[in-house]
Amino acid sequence: ARTLRAFSTAVYPATPVPTSGSLERTSGNERPPKRKALPPRTEKMAVDQDWPSVYPVAAPFKPSVVPLPVRMGYPVKKGVPMAKEGNLELVKIPNFLHLTPVAIKKHCEALKDFCTEWPAALDSDEKCEKHFPIEIDSTDYVSSGPSVRNPRARVVVLREV
């Protein structure tokens, strides 16, 4: 005599029910051990490393990356300002750590192939405005936050005068 099985057991094979000896009892309060905190990256950084690879573009201040004893803020009770770890004043402002002389030199070398000499015939502003009657408008924004990017700063208007 054949019996019909329910659809769920027909599609998926029945899983064996574990016996009481195979289950391990654990208390509800046990937690996995906490990981040990790694040392800051600044302690492992080489002195002569390639700084533009650490800070390639404008970015918020990261205390674990900058190997300088930077302090900023109002000193409390004539003490020293806060250290860089946990200092929100350093995160708020845009920084220029990506603009080192080495980085600027690399950018100039990369752009040198695309540059040409300025035309000798365009020796005054009046001639430039006559032959190239365009204006470019853009806006920069400064905001106090963890991001140095503002989507409104991407808007560039090119007008023919």
Protein backbone atom coordinates (compact mmCIF):
# COMPACT_ATOMS: atom_id res chain seq x y z
CA ALA A 1 0.00 0.00 0.00
CA ARG A 2 1.38 3.35 -1.07
CA THR A 3 0.87 6.43 1.04
CA LEU A 4 1.10 9.98 -0.16
CA ARG A 5 3.66 12.24 1.45
CA ALA A 6 3.29 15.96 2.03
CA PHE A 7 4.84 18.18 -0.64
CA SER A 8 7.55 19.56 1.66
CA THR A 9 8.84 16.11 2.54
CA ALA A 10 8.57 14.92 -1.04
CA VAL A 11 10.80 17.70 -2.36
CA TYR A 12 13.30 17.80 0.48
CA PRO A 13 14.54 14.62 2.09
CA ALA A 14 13.75 14.23 5.72
CA THR A 15 16.62 15.24 7.97
CA PRO A 16 17.53 12.83 10.70
CA VAL A 17 16.56 13.98 14.17
CA PRO A 18 19.70 14.30 16.31
CA THR A 19 19.93 12.03 19.27
CA SER A 20 20.37 13.44 22.73
CA GLY A 21 24.01 12.29 22.86
CA SER A 22 25.02 14.29 19.76
CA LEU A 23 23.89 17.69 21.06
CA GLU A 24 26.38 19.73 23.05
CA ARG A 25 24.98 21.83 25.81
CA THR A 26 26.21 25.39 26.16
CA SER A 27 25.08 28.01 28.56
CA GLY A 28 23.41 31.08 27.12
CA ASN A 29 25.95 33.41 28.74
CA GLU A 30 29.02 32.10 26.94
CA ARG A 31 30.52 34.43 24.34
CA PRO A 32 33.47 33.93 22.06
CA PRO A 33 36.65 35.50 23.43
CA LYS A 34 37.30 39.09 22.34
CA ARG A 35 40.02 39.73 19.84
CA LYS A 36 43.10 41.54 20.98
CA ALA A 37 43.35 45.05 19.52
CA LEU A 38 46.00 45.39 16.83
CA PRO A 39 48.67 48.08 17.24
CA PRO A 40 48.09 51.27 15.22
CA ARG A 41 49.29 51.24 11.65
CA THR A 42 51.55 54.19 12.41
CA GLU A 43 53.80 51.99 14.53
CA LYS A 44 54.36 49.60 11.63
CA MET A 45 54.87 52.24 8.92
CA ALA A 46 58.29 52.55 7.33
CA VAL A 47 60.00 55.92 7.62
CA ASP A 48 60.74 56.13 3.89
CA GLN A 49 57.43 54.79 2.60
CA ASP A 50 55.57 56.18 -0.41
CA TRP A 51 53.26 58.73 1.25
CA PRO A 52 51.03 59.34 -1.83
CA SER A 53 50.02 55.67 -1.67
CA VAL A 54 48.85 56.19 1.95
CA TYR A 55 46.94 59.44 1.26
CA PRO A 56 46.32 59.42 -2.53
CA VAL A 57 43.39 61.90 -2.49
CA ALA A 58 41.70 64.34 -0.14
CA ALA A 59 40.23 62.31 2.70
CA PRO A 60 39.12 62.82 6.29
CA PHE A 61 41.82 62.64 8.94
CA LYS A 62 42.55 59.09 10.08
CA PRO A 63 44.65 58.99 13.26
CA SER A 64 45.81 55.42 12.65
CA VAL A 65 47.42 56.43 9.34
CA VAL A 66 49.16 59.72 10.13
CA PRO A 67 52.47 59.07 11.93
CA LEU A 68 52.67 62.61 13.34
CA PRO A 69 51.81 63.70 16.88
CA VAL A 70 49.06 66.06 15.69
CA ARG A 71 47.00 67.90 18.31
CA MET A 72 44.12 70.29 17.80
CA GLY A 73 41.45 71.84 19.95
CA TYR A 74 41.04 74.08 22.95
CA PRO A 75 43.34 73.16 25.85
CA VAL A 76 41.38 72.48 29.02
CA LYS A 77 42.76 74.05 32.22
CA LYS A 78 45.89 75.34 30.48
CA GLY A 79 46.85 71.81 29.44
CA VAL A 80 47.71 70.50 26.02
CA PRO A 81 45.04 69.99 23.33
CA MET A 82 43.61 66.55 22.76
CA ALA A 83 45.72 63.91 21.04
CA LYS A 84 44.84 62.79 17.53
CA GLU A 85 42.97 59.66 18.65
CA GLY A 86 39.30 60.46 19.16
CA ASN A 87 39.75 64.14 18.31
CA LEU A 88 36.70 65.28 16.36
CA GLU A 89 38.26 68.65 15.58
CA LEU A 90 40.76 66.94 13.28
CA VAL A 91 38.02 65.02 11.47
CA LYS A 92 35.90 68.11 10.82
CA ILE A 93 38.29 70.08 8.65
CA PRO A 94 39.52 69.11 5.18
CA ASN A 95 43.21 68.30 5.27
CA PHE A 96 45.98 68.57 2.73
CA LEU A 97 47.98 65.50 3.66
CA HIS A 98 47.68 64.26 0.08
CA LEU A 99 49.46 67.35 -1.28
CA THR A 100 53.06 66.53 -0.47
CA PRO A 101 55.90 67.70 -2.73
CA VAL A 102 56.46 64.12 -3.92
CA ALA A 103 52.78 63.69 -4.81
CA ILE A 104 52.64 67.01 -6.65
CA LYS A 105 55.76 66.08 -8.62
CA LYS A 106 54.19 62.74 -9.61
CA HIS A 107 51.01 64.47 -10.77
CA CYS A 108 52.99 67.00 -12.79
CA GLU A 109 55.00 64.24 -14.47
CA ALA A 110 51.79 62.38 -15.35
CA LEU A 111 50.18 65.52 -16.82
CA LYS A 112 53.27 66.72 -18.69
CA ASP A 113 52.49 64.57 -21.76
CA PHE A 114 49.11 66.28 -22.18
CA CYS A 115 50.44 69.85 -21.97
CA THR A 116 51.42 72.03 -24.92
CA GLU A 117 53.04 75.44 -25.05
CA TRP A 118 50.80 78.46 -24.79
CA PRO A 119 50.13 80.03 -28.22
CA ALA A 120 52.26 83.14 -28.69
CA ALA A 121 49.39 84.94 -30.48
CA LEU A 122 47.27 84.85 -27.32
CA ASP A 123 49.34 87.31 -25.33
CA SER A 124 46.52 89.28 -23.67
CA ASP A 125 43.23 88.62 -21.91
CA GLU A 126 41.31 90.52 -24.58
CA LYS A 127 42.58 88.21 -27.34
CA CYS A 128 41.76 85.13 -25.27
CA GLU A 129 38.21 86.37 -24.65
CA LYS A 130 37.78 87.24 -28.33
CA HIS A 131 38.89 83.83 -29.68
CA PHE A 132 37.54 81.70 -26.81
CA PRO A 133 34.32 83.36 -25.54
CA ILE A 134 33.53 80.95 -22.73
CA GLU A 135 33.19 81.20 -18.97
CA ILE A 136 33.39 78.35 -16.51
CA ASP A 137 31.59 78.61 -13.18
CA SER A 138 32.13 76.20 -10.31
CA THR A 139 31.57 76.34 -6.57
CA ASP A 140 33.59 74.93 -3.70
CA TYR A 141 31.93 73.91 -0.46
CA VAL A 142 33.45 73.56 2.99
CA SER A 143 31.49 71.54 5.49
CA SER A 144 32.24 70.16 8.92
CA GLY A 145 31.72 66.45 8.68
CA PRO A 146 33.53 63.19 8.13
CA SER A 147 33.27 63.48 4.33
CA VAL A 148 35.16 66.01 2.23
CA ARG A 149 32.94 65.32 -0.77
CA ASN A 150 29.95 67.51 -1.54
CA PRO A 151 27.82 66.45 -4.52
CA ARG A 152 26.95 70.08 -5.31
CA ALA A 153 30.64 70.82 -5.94
CA ARG A 154 30.53 68.59 -9.04
CA VAL A 155 28.25 71.01 -10.88
CA VAL A 156 30.26 72.98 -13.44
CA VAL A 157 28.58 75.47 -15.77
CA LEU A 158 30.17 76.23 -19.14
CA ARG A 159 28.72 79.40 -20.73
CA GLU A 160 29.38 81.00 -24.07
CA VAL A 161 29.72 84.73 -23.60
